[in-house]
Amino acid sequence: MENDYAIQDKWQSYAQNNDRKTFMLLFQKDFPTVAAQRYEQNEAFFVKMFSDPEMMQMVMDTVGGVLYERLKKKKSVVYQMPERTLSMVAEEPAPYGKK
C-alpha cells in the first residue's frame, strides 16, 4: 500500500510542502479509502483464485518458485560462513540441562 502513495505526485508534493503533522492529517483522512479499495481488490483476487483451478496452479507455481529461489540463495549464504561456524551448525543440539 506504501507504493499506492509513493507513486502519486500529490503525496510527494504534500510531503515536500508540509510539516509532518499536516502531512499525517492528510494521510489519515485518505488512508481508510485506500485501505478499503485494497481490501476489495484482494478479496476479489482470492475469490477468483479459489474458484479457478488454473489460476490457483499458476499462483502456486509462481509463489513456490520465488520462495524456492529465495530460500536457495539464503542457504548458500550459510555455506559462506566461517568453517568453524558451519561445524557448529551441523552438530547435534547440545543437551542443555542434562548430564
PDB file of N, CA and C in Angstrom:
ATOM      1  N   MET A   1       0.823  -1.185   0.000  1.00  0.00           N
ATOM      2  CA  MET A   1       0.000   0.000   0.000  1.00  0.00           C
ATOM      3  C   MET A   1       0.870   1.253   0.000  1.00  0.00           C
ATOM      4  N   GLU A   2       2.078   1.100   0.519  1.00  0.00           N
ATOM      5  CA  GLU A   2       3.002   2.229   0.510  1.00  0.00           C
ATOM      6  C   GLU A   2       3.199   2.739  -0.908  1.00  0.00           C
ATOM      7  N   ASN A   3       3.319   1.806  -1.868  1.00  0.00           N
ATOM      8  CA  ASN A   3       3.512   2.208  -3.255  1.00  0.00           C
ATOM      9  C   ASN A   3       2.321   2.967  -3.807  1.00  0.00           C
ATOM     10  N   ASP A   4       1.109   2.659  -3.309  1.00  0.00           N
ATOM     11  CA  ASP A   4      -0.061   3.405  -3.761  1.00  0.00           C
ATOM     12  C   ASP A   4       0.155   4.903  -3.536  1.00  0.00           C
ATOM     13  N   TYR A   5       0.767   5.237  -2.430  1.00  0.00           N
ATOM     14  CA  TYR A   5       1.015   6.633  -2.099  1.00  0.00           C
ATOM     15  C   TYR A   5       2.310   7.140  -2.723  1.00  0.00           C
ATOM     16  N   ALA A   6       3.339   6.316  -2.692  1.00  0.00           N
ATOM     17  CA  ALA A   6       4.658   6.756  -3.141  1.00  0.00           C
ATOM     18  C   ALA A   6       4.688   7.116  -4.616  1.00  0.00           C
ATOM     19  N   ILE A   7       3.816   6.517  -5.424  1.00  0.00           N
ATOM     20  CA  ILE A   7       3.836   6.801  -6.861  1.00  0.00           C
ATOM     21  C   ILE A   7       2.914   7.951  -7.249  1.00  0.00           C
ATOM     22  N   GLN A   8       2.188   8.491  -6.301  1.00  0.00           N
ATOM     23  CA  GLN A   8       1.279   9.588  -6.611  1.00  0.00           C
ATOM     24  C   GLN A   8       1.981  10.928  -6.376  1.00  0.00           C
ATOM     25  N   ASP A   9       1.998  11.766  -7.399  1.00  0.00           N
ATOM     26  CA  ASP A   9       2.671  13.062  -7.308  1.00  0.00           C
ATOM     27  C   ASP A   9       2.116  13.931  -6.190  1.00  0.00           C
ATOM     28  N   LYS A  10       0.802  13.835  -5.953  1.00  0.00           N
ATOM     29  CA  LYS A  10       0.219  14.713  -4.933  1.00  0.00           C
ATOM     30  C   LYS A  10       0.800  14.403  -3.552  1.00  0.00           C
ATOM     31  N   TRP A  11       1.101  13.131  -3.266  1.00  0.00           N
ATOM     32  CA  TRP A  11       1.654  12.791  -1.956  1.00  0.00           C
ATOM     33  C   TRP A  11       3.098  13.237  -1.842  1.00  0.00           C
ATOM     34  N   GLN A  12       3.833  13.188  -2.937  1.00  0.00           N
ATOM     35  CA  GLN A  12       5.195  13.736  -2.953  1.00  0.00           C
ATOM     36  C   GLN A  12       5.142  15.226  -2.640  1.00  0.00           C
ATOM     37  N   SER A  13       4.199  15.903  -3.260  1.00  0.00           N
ATOM     38  CA  SER A  13       4.024  17.337  -3.033  1.00  0.00           C
ATOM     39  C   SER A  13       3.610  17.619  -1.589  1.00  0.00           C
ATOM     40  N   TYR A  14       2.676  16.831  -1.074  1.00  0.00           N
ATOM     41  CA  TYR A  14       2.254  17.012   0.316  1.00  0.00           C
ATOM     42  C   TYR A  14       3.442  16.867   1.271  1.00  0.00           C
ATOM     43  N   ALA A  15       4.292  15.893   1.014  1.00  0.00           N
ATOM     44  CA  ALA A  15       5.447  15.666   1.894  1.00  0.00           C
ATOM     45  C   ALA A  15       6.462  16.800   1.773  1.00  0.00           C
ATOM     46  N   GLN A  16       6.675  17.281   0.556  1.00  0.00           N
ATOM     47  CA  GLN A  16       7.670  18.330   0.341  1.00  0.00           C
ATOM     48  C   GLN A  16       7.215  19.696   0.855  1.00  0.00           C
ATOM     49  N   ASN A  17       5.906  19.934   0.843  1.00  0.00           N
ATOM     50  CA  ASN A  17       5.401  21.280   1.122  1.00  0.00           C
ATOM     51  C   ASN A  17       4.700  21.438   2.462  1.00  0.00           C
ATOM     52  N   ASN A  18       4.731  20.397   3.287  1.00  0.00           N
ATOM     53  CA  ASN A  18       4.049  20.479   4.578  1.00  0.00           C
ATOM     54  C   ASN A  18       4.933  19.902   5.671  1.00  0.00           C
ATOM     55  N   ASP A  19       4.605  20.272   6.907  1.00  0.00           N
ATOM     56  CA  ASP A  19       5.300  19.626   8.012  1.00  0.00           C
ATOM     57  C   ASP A  19       4.680  18.245   8.234  1.00  0.00           C
ATOM     58  N   ARG A  20       5.303  17.443   9.077  1.00  0.00           N
ATOM     59  CA  ARG A  20       4.855  16.077   9.316  1.00  0.00           C
ATOM     60  C   ARG A  20       3.414  16.031   9.840  1.00  0.00           C
ATOM     61  N   LYS A  21       3.080  16.923  10.738  1.00  0.00           N
ATOM     62  CA  LYS A  21       1.741  16.920  11.337  1.00  0.00           C
ATOM     63  C   LYS A  21       0.668  17.138  10.274  1.00  0.00           C
ATOM     64  N   THR A  22       0.869  18.110   9.401  1.00  0.00           N
ATOM     65  CA  THR A  22      -0.099  18.382   8.334  1.00  0.00           C
ATOM     66  C   THR A  22      -0.171  17.203   7.369  1.00  0.00           C
ATOM     67  N   PHE A  23       0.998  16.680   7.001  1.00  0.00           N
ATOM     68  CA  PHE A  23       1.027  15.518   6.107  1.00  0.00           C
ATOM     69  C   PHE A  23       0.233  14.368   6.719  1.00  0.00           C
ATOM     70  N   MET A  24       0.450  14.085   8.001  1.00  0.00           N
ATOM     71  CA  MET A  24      -0.235  12.969   8.651  1.00  0.00           C
ATOM     72  C   MET A  24      -1.748  13.196   8.712  1.00  0.00           C
ATOM     73  N   LEU A  25      -2.186  14.431   8.891  1.00  0.00           N
ATOM     74  CA  LEU A  25      -3.631  14.722   8.863  1.00  0.00           C
ATOM     75  C   LEU A  25      -4.216  14.385   7.491  1.00  0.00           C
ATOM     76  N   LEU A  26      -3.528  14.773   6.434  1.00  0.00           N
ATOM     77  CA  LEU A  26      -3.982  14.452   5.072  1.00  0.00           C
ATOM     78  C   LEU A  26      -3.979  12.943   4.839  1.00  0.00           C
ATOM     79  N   PHE A  27      -2.917  12.292   5.294  1.00  0.00           N
ATOM     80  CA  PHE A  27      -2.785  10.848   5.128  1.00  0.00           C
ATOM     81  C   PHE A  27      -3.883  10.106   5.880  1.00  0.00           C
ATOM     82  N   GLN A  28      -4.120  10.489   7.128  1.00  0.00           N
ATOM     83  CA  GLN A  28      -5.139   9.815   7.937  1.00  0.00           C
ATOM     84  C   GLN A  28      -6.529   9.995   7.350  1.00  0.00           C
ATOM     85  N   LYS A  29      -6.775  11.115   6.706  1.00  0.00           N
ATOM     86  CA  LYS A  29      -8.070  11.336   6.060  1.00  0.00           C
ATOM     87  C   LYS A  29      -8.245  10.413   4.855  1.00  0.00           C
ATOM     88  N   ASP A  30      -7.179  10.161   4.110  1.00  0.00           N
ATOM     89  CA  ASP A  30      -7.236   9.386   2.874  1.00  0.00           C
ATOM     90  C   ASP A  30      -7.077   7.883   3.088  1.00  0.00           C
ATOM     91  N   PHE A  31      -6.367   7.484   4.121  1.00  0.00           N
ATOM     92  CA  PHE A  31      -5.991   6.086   4.314  1.00  0.00           C
ATOM     93  C   PHE A  31      -7.170   5.111   4.349  1.00  0.00           C
ATOM     94  N   PRO A  32      -8.258   5.373   5.080  1.00  0.00           N
ATOM     95  CA  PRO A  32      -9.360   4.394   5.104  1.00  0.00           C
ATOM     96  C   PRO A  32      -9.913   4.069   3.718  1.00  0.00           C
ATOM     97  N   THR A  33      -9.983   5.054   2.854  1.00  0.00           N
ATOM     98  CA  THR A  33     -10.486   4.823   1.500  1.00  0.00           C
ATOM     99  C   THR A  33      -9.539   3.908   0.723  1.00  0.00           C
ATOM    100  N   VAL A  34      -8.251   4.187   0.788  1.00  0.00           N
ATOM    101  CA  VAL A  34      -7.266   3.375   0.067  1.00  0.00           C
ATOM    102  C   VAL A  34      -7.230   1.961   0.639  1.00  0.00           C
ATOM    103  N   ALA A  35      -7.297   1.848   1.966  1.00  0.00           N
ATOM    104  CA  ALA A  35      -7.276   0.523   2.596  1.00  0.00           C
ATOM    105  C   ALA A  35      -8.504  -0.289   2.178  1.00  0.00           C
ATOM    106  N   ALA A  36      -9.671   0.342   2.115  1.00  0.00           N
ATOM    107  CA  ALA A  36     -10.891  -0.351   1.698  1.00  0.00           C
ATOM    108  C   ALA A  36     -10.785  -0.804   0.244  1.00  0.00           C
ATOM    109  N   GLN A  37     -10.214   0.038  -0.608  1.00  0.00           N
ATOM    110  CA  GLN A  37     -10.036  -0.338  -2.014  1.00  0.00           C
ATOM    111  C   GLN A  37      -9.094  -1.532  -2.141  1.00  0.00           C
ATOM    112  N   ARG A  38      -8.016  -1.510  -1.389  1.00  0.00           N
ATOM    113  CA  ARG A  38      -7.053  -2.618  -1.441  1.00  0.00           C
ATOM    114  C   ARG A  38      -7.699  -3.903  -0.927  1.00  0.00           C
ATOM    115  N   TYR A  39      -8.504  -3.802   0.133  1.00  0.00           N
ATOM    116  CA  TYR A  39      -9.202  -4.970   0.660  1.00  0.00           C
ATOM    117  C   TYR A  39     -10.121  -5.566  -0.401  1.00  0.00           C
ATOM    118  N   GLU A  40     -10.875  -4.713  -1.081  1.00  0.00           N
ATOM    119  CA  GLU A  40     -11.792  -5.185  -2.123  1.00  0.00           C
ATOM    120  C   GLU A  40     -11.027  -5.849  -3.268  1.00  0.00           C
ATOM    121  N   GLN A  41      -9.892  -5.275  -3.650  1.00  0.00           N
ATOM    122  CA  GLN A  41      -9.081  -5.867  -4.713  1.00  0.00           C
ATOM    123  C   GLN A  41      -8.575  -7.242  -4.288  1.00  0.00           C
ATOM    124  N   ASN A  42      -8.086  -7.347  -3.065  1.00  0.00           N
ATOM    125  CA  ASN A  42      -7.561  -8.617  -2.576  1.00  0.00           C
ATOM    126  C   ASN A  42      -8.669  -9.658  -2.442  1.00  0.00           C
ATOM    127  N   GLU A  43      -9.826  -9.232  -1.952  1.00  0.00           N
ATOM    128  CA  GLU A  43     -10.939 -10.169  -1.802  1.00  0.00           C
ATOM    129  C   GLU A  43     -11.348 -10.733  -3.162  1.00  0.00           C
ATOM    130  N   ALA A  44     -11.453  -9.861  -4.155  1.00  0.00           N
ATOM    131  CA  ALA A  44     -11.830 -10.307  -5.494  1.00  0.00           C
ATOM    132  C   ALA A  44     -10.773 -11.265  -6.062  1.00  0.00           C
ATOM    133  N   PHE A  45      -9.520 -10.958  -5.826  1.00  0.00           N
ATOM    134  CA  PHE A  45      -8.440 -11.821  -6.305  1.00  0.00           C
ATOM    135  C   PHE A  45      -8.544 -13.211  -5.679  1.00  0.00           C
ATOM    136  N   PHE A  46      -8.716 -13.280  -4.363  1.00  0.00           N
ATOM    137  CA  PHE A  46      -8.757 -14.576  -3.694  1.00  0.00           C
ATOM    138  C   PHE A  46     -10.008 -15.372  -4.051  1.00  0.00           C
ATOM    139  N   VAL A  47     -11.137 -14.712  -4.225  1.00  0.00           N
ATOM    140  CA  VAL A  47     -12.345 -15.410  -4.663  1.00  0.00           C
ATOM    141  C   VAL A  47     -12.103 -16.038  -6.029  1.00  0.00           C
ATOM    142  N   LYS A  48     -11.507 -15.265  -6.949  1.00  0.00           N
ATOM    143  CA  LYS A  48     -11.225 -15.788  -8.289  1.00  0.00           C
ATOM    144  C   LYS A  48     -10.223 -16.938  -8.220  1.00  0.00           C
ATOM    145  N   MET A  49      -9.166 -16.774  -7.418  1.00  0.00           N
ATOM    146  CA  MET A  49      -8.139 -17.813  -7.345  1.00  0.00           C
ATOM    147  C   MET A  49      -8.711 -19.122  -6.819  1.00  0.00           C
ATOM    148  N   PHE A  50      -9.539 -19.072  -5.788  1.00  0.00           N
ATOM    149  CA  PHE A  50     -10.091 -20.305  -5.225  1.00  0.00           C
ATOM    150  C   PHE A  50     -11.184 -20.925  -6.090  1.00  0.00           C
ATOM    151  N   SER A  51     -11.722 -20.152  -7.024  1.00  0.00           N
ATOM    152  CA  SER A  51     -12.752 -20.707  -7.898  1.00  0.00           C
ATOM    153  C   SER A  51     -12.198 -21.132  -9.261  1.00  0.00           C
ATOM    154  N   ASP A  52     -10.937 -20.834  -9.522  1.00  0.00           N
ATOM    155  CA  ASP A  52     -10.327 -21.138 -10.812  1.00  0.00           C
ATOM    156  C   ASP A  52      -9.081 -21.988 -10.597  1.00  0.00           C
ATOM    157  N   PRO A  53      -9.190 -23.323 -10.793  1.00  0.00           N
ATOM    158  CA  PRO A  53      -8.046 -24.213 -10.547  1.00  0.00           C
ATOM    159  C   PRO A  53      -6.793 -23.854 -11.353  1.00  0.00           C
ATOM    160  N   GLU A  54      -6.967 -23.375 -12.571  1.00  0.00           N
ATOM    161  CA  GLU A  54      -5.806 -22.990 -13.380  1.00  0.00           C
ATOM    162  C   GLU A  54      -5.087 -21.796 -12.775  1.00  0.00           C
ATOM    163  N   MET A  55      -5.862 -20.829 -12.307  1.00  0.00           N
ATOM    164  CA  MET A  55      -5.265 -19.657 -11.673  1.00  0.00           C
ATOM    165  C   MET A  55      -4.561 -20.068 -10.379  1.00  0.00           C
ATOM    166  N   MET A  56      -5.197 -20.951  -9.603  1.00  0.00           N
ATOM    167  CA  MET A  56      -4.582 -21.434  -8.361  1.00  0.00           C
ATOM    168  C   MET A  56      -3.248 -22.092  -8.671  1.00  0.00           C
ATOM    169  N   GLN A  57      -3.198 -22.927  -9.706  1.00  0.00           N
ATOM    170  CA  GLN A  57      -1.953 -23.598 -10.066  1.00  0.00           C
ATOM    171  C   GLN A  57      -0.894 -22.596 -10.486  1.00  0.00           C
ATOM    172  N   MET A  58      -1.287 -21.596 -11.260  1.00  0.00           N
ATOM    173  CA  MET A  58      -0.351 -20.578 -11.712  1.00  0.00           C
ATOM    174  C   MET A  58       0.234 -19.804 -10.524  1.00  0.00           C
ATOM    175  N   VAL A  59      -0.619 -19.430  -9.579  1.00  0.00           N
ATOM    176  CA  VAL A  59      -0.155 -18.694  -8.398  1.00  0.00           C
ATOM    177  C   VAL A  59       0.768 -19.579  -7.556  1.00  0.00           C
ATOM    178  N   MET A  60       0.389 -20.839  -7.351  1.00  0.00           N
ATOM    179  CA  MET A  60       1.238 -21.747  -6.575  1.00  0.00           C
ATOM    180  C   MET A  60       2.594 -21.931  -7.243  1.00  0.00           C
ATOM    181  N   ASP A  61       2.604 -22.117  -8.565  1.00  0.00           N
ATOM    182  CA  ASP A  61       3.868 -22.289  -9.288  1.00  0.00           C
ATOM    183  C   ASP A  61       4.752 -21.048  -9.150  1.00  0.00           C
ATOM    184  N   THR A  62       4.148 -19.886  -9.290  1.00  0.00           N
ATOM    185  CA  THR A  62       4.905 -18.640  -9.213  1.00  0.00           C
ATOM    186  C   THR A  62       5.443 -18.404  -7.809  1.00  0.00           C
ATOM    187  N   VAL A  63       4.573 -18.473  -6.810  1.00  0.00           N
ATOM    188  CA  VAL A  63       4.983 -18.222  -5.429  1.00  0.00           C
ATOM    189  C   VAL A  63       5.973 -19.287  -4.968  1.00  0.00           C
ATOM    190  N   GLY A  64       5.698 -20.535  -5.295  1.00  0.00           N
ATOM    191  CA  GLY A  64       6.610 -21.605  -4.921  1.00  0.00           C
ATOM    192  C   GLY A  64       7.983 -21.435  -5.549  1.00  0.00           C
ATOM    193  N   GLY A  65       8.020 -21.038  -6.808  1.00  0.00           N
ATOM    194  CA  GLY A  65       9.298 -20.812  -7.487  1.00  0.00           C
ATOM    195  C   GLY A  65      10.086 -19.668  -6.871  1.00  0.00           C
ATOM    196  N   VAL A  66       9.405 -18.578  -6.579  1.00  0.00           N
ATOM    197  CA  VAL A  66      10.073 -17.432  -5.949  1.00  0.00           C
ATOM    198  C   VAL A  66      10.572 -17.812  -4.554  1.00  0.00           C
ATOM    199  N   LEU A  67       9.751 -18.502  -3.796  1.00  0.00           N
ATOM    200  CA  LEU A  67      10.145 -18.939  -2.453  1.00  0.00           C
ATOM    201  C   LEU A  67      11.356 -19.865  -2.513  1.00  0.00           C
ATOM    202  N   TYR A  68      11.338 -20.819  -3.429  1.00  0.00           N
ATOM    203  CA  TYR A  68      12.456 -21.740  -3.585  1.00  0.00           C
ATOM    204  C   TYR A  68      13.750 -20.983  -3.867  1.00  0.00           C
ATOM    205  N   GLU A  69      13.694 -20.043  -4.815  1.00  0.00           N
ATOM    206  CA  GLU A  69      14.898 -19.286  -5.177  1.00  0.00           C
ATOM    207  C   GLU A  69      15.415 -18.466  -4.008  1.00  0.00           C
ATOM    208  N   ARG A  70      14.523 -17.835  -3.265  1.00  0.00           N
ATOM    209  CA  ARG A  70      14.957 -17.048  -2.103  1.00  0.00           C
ATOM    210  C   ARG A  70      15.583 -17.939  -1.039  1.00  0.00           C
ATOM    211  N   LEU A  71      14.957 -19.064  -0.762  1.00  0.00           N
ATOM    212  CA  LEU A  71      15.491 -19.963   0.260  1.00  0.00           C
ATOM    213  C   LEU A  71      16.792 -20.600  -0.205  1.00  0.00           C
ATOM    214  N   LYS A  72      16.897 -20.889  -1.477  1.00  0.00           N
ATOM    215  CA  LYS A  72      18.118 -21.468  -2.019  1.00  0.00           C
ATOM    216  C   LYS A  72      19.271 -20.486  -1.868  1.00  0.00           C
ATOM    217  N   LYS A  73      19.022 -19.222  -2.159  1.00  0.00           N
ATOM    218  CA  LYS A  73      20.051 -18.193  -2.001  1.00  0.00           C
ATOM    219  C   LYS A  73      20.422 -18.037  -0.534  1.00  0.00           C
ATOM    220  N   LYS A  74      19.436 -18.084   0.327  1.00  0.00           N
ATOM    221  CA  LYS A  74      19.675 -17.933   1.758  1.00  0.00           C
ATOM    222  C   LYS A  74      20.570 -19.052   2.263  1.00  0.00           C
ATOM    223  N   LYS A  75      20.339 -20.263   1.803  1.00  0.00           N
ATOM    224  CA  LYS A  75      21.140 -21.398   2.224  1.00  0.00           C
ATOM    225  C   LYS A  75      22.575 -21.238   1.746  1.00  0.00           C
ATOM    226  N   SER A  76      22.762 -20.714   0.532  1.00  0.00           N
ATOM    227  CA  SER A  76      24.122 -20.555   0.024  1.00  0.00           C
ATOM    228  C   SER A  76      24.902 -19.563   0.875  1.00  0.00           C
ATOM    229  N   VAL A  77      24.225 -18.598   1.474  1.00  0.00           N
ATOM    230  CA  VAL A  77      24.893 -17.652   2.361  1.00  0.00           C
ATOM    231  C   VAL A  77      25.419 -18.380   3.586  1.00  0.00           C
ATOM    232  N   VAL A  78      24.657 -19.340   4.094  1.00  0.00           N
ATOM    233  CA  VAL A  78      25.092 -20.103   5.259  1.00  0.00           C
ATOM    234  C   VAL A  78      26.406 -20.803   4.958  1.00  0.00           C
ATOM    235  N   TYR A  79      26.572 -21.341   3.755  1.00  0.00           N
ATOM    236  CA  TYR A  79      27.795 -22.049   3.399  1.00  0.00           C
ATOM    237  C   TYR A  79      28.991 -21.122   3.274  1.00  0.00           C
ATOM    238  N   GLN A  80      28.767 -19.846   3.175  1.00  0.00           N
ATOM    239  CA  GLN A  80      29.859 -18.898   3.088  1.00  0.00           C
ATOM    240  C   GLN A  80      30.354 -18.465   4.468  1.00  0.00           C
ATOM    241  N   MET A  81      29.725 -18.964   5.501  1.00  0.00           N
ATOM    242  CA  MET A  81      30.138 -18.629   6.858  1.00  0.00           C
ATOM    243  C   MET A  81      31.460 -19.318   7.162  1.00  0.00           C
ATOM    244  N   PRO A  82      32.207 -18.827   8.148  1.00  0.00           N
ATOM    245  CA  PRO A  82      33.473 -19.469   8.507  1.00  0.00           C
ATOM    246  C   PRO A  82      33.275 -20.944   8.832  1.00  0.00           C
ATOM    247  N   GLU A  83      34.290 -21.759   8.524  1.00  0.00           N
ATOM    248  CA  GLU A  83      34.194 -23.199   8.700  1.00  0.00           C
ATOM    249  C   GLU A  83      33.850 -23.579  10.133  1.00  0.00           C
ATOM    250  N   ARG A  84      34.412 -22.875  11.084  1.00  0.00           N
ATOM    251  CA  ARG A  84      34.151 -23.157  12.492  1.00  0.00           C
ATOM    252  C   ARG A  84      32.655 -23.032  12.794  1.00  0.00           C
ATOM    253  N   THR A  85      32.011 -22.017  12.262  1.00  0.00           N
ATOM    254  CA  THR A  85      30.585 -21.819  12.480  1.00  0.00           C
ATOM    255  C   THR A  85      29.780 -22.915  11.794  1.00  0.00           C
ATOM    256  N   LEU A  86      30.202 -23.313  10.587  1.00  0.00           N
ATOM    257  CA  LEU A  86      29.491 -24.366   9.873  1.00  0.00           C
ATOM    258  C   LEU A  86      29.488 -25.654  10.667  1.00  0.00           C
ATOM    259  N   SER A  87      30.617 -25.993  11.257  1.00  0.00           N
ATOM    260  CA  SER A  87      30.661 -27.241  12.010  1.00  0.00           C
ATOM    261  C   SER A  87      29.747 -27.161  13.225  1.00  0.00           C
ATOM    262  N   MET A  88      29.613 -25.956  13.791  1.00  0.00           N
ATOM    263  CA  MET A  88      28.712 -25.803  14.933  1.00  0.00           C
ATOM    264  C   MET A  88      27.261 -25.941  14.477  1.00  0.00           C
ATOM    265  N   VAL A  89      26.956 -25.430  13.317  1.00  0.00           N
ATOM    266  CA  VAL A  89      25.611 -25.515  12.792  1.00  0.00           C
ATOM    267  C   VAL A  89      25.245 -26.964  12.491  1.00  0.00           C
ATOM    268  N   ALA A  90      26.207 -27.726  11.999  1.00  0.00           N
ATOM    269  CA  ALA A  90      25.940 -29.102  11.593  1.00  0.00           C
ATOM    270  C   ALA A  90      25.877 -30.066  12.771  1.00  0.00           C
ATOM    271  N   GLU A  91      26.415 -29.676  13.914  1.00  0.00           N
ATOM    272  CA  GLU A  91      26.414 -30.569  15.070  1.00  0.00           C
ATOM    273  C   GLU A  91      25.013 -30.729  15.640  1.00  0.00           C
ATOM    274  N   GLU A  92      24.825 -31.794  16.395  1.00  0.00           N
ATOM    275  CA  GLU A  92      23.546 -32.013  17.058  1.00  0.00           C
ATOM    276  C   GLU A  92      23.384 -30.997  18.174  1.00  0.00           C
ATOM    277  N   PRO A  93      22.153 -30.645  18.509  1.00  0.00           N
ATOM    278  CA  PRO A  93      21.934 -29.670  19.584  1.00  0.00           C
ATOM    279  C   PRO A  93      22.513 -30.166  20.904  1.00  0.00           C
ATOM    280  N   ALA A  94      23.051 -29.237  21.665  1.00  0.00           N
ATOM    281  CA  ALA A  94      23.606 -29.591  22.976  1.00  0.00           C
ATOM    282  C   ALA A  94      22.490 -29.968  23.924  1.00  0.00           C
ATOM    283  N   PRO A  95      22.679 -31.007  24.709  1.00  0.00           N
ATOM    284  CA  PRO A  95      21.633 -31.432  25.648  1.00  0.00           C
ATOM    285  C   PRO A  95      21.662 -30.561  26.897  1.00  0.00           C
ATOM    286  N   TYR A  96      21.169 -29.334  26.773  1.00  0.00           N
ATOM    287  CA  TYR A  96      21.194 -28.395  27.895  1.00  0.00           C
ATOM    288  C   TYR A  96      20.439 -28.952  29.083  1.00  0.00           C
ATOM    289  N   GLY A  97      21.036 -28.811  30.253  1.00  0.00           N
ATOM    290  CA  GLY A  97      20.401 -29.236  31.479  1.00  0.00           C
ATOM    291  C   GLY A  97      20.511 -30.729  31.743  1.00  0.00           C
ATOM    292  N   LYS A  98      21.103 -31.482  30.825  1.00  0.00           N
ATOM    293  CA  LYS A  98      21.262 -32.929  31.009  1.00  0.00           C
ATOM    294  C   LYS A  98      22.713 -33.242  31.306  1.00  0.00           C
ATOM    295  N   LYS A  99      22.943 -34.218  32.145  1.00  0.00           N
ATOM    296  CA  LYS A  99      24.312 -34.613  32.472  1.00  0.00           C
ATOM    297  C   LYS A  99      24.573 -36.016  32.040  1.00  0.00           C
TER     298      LYS A  99
END
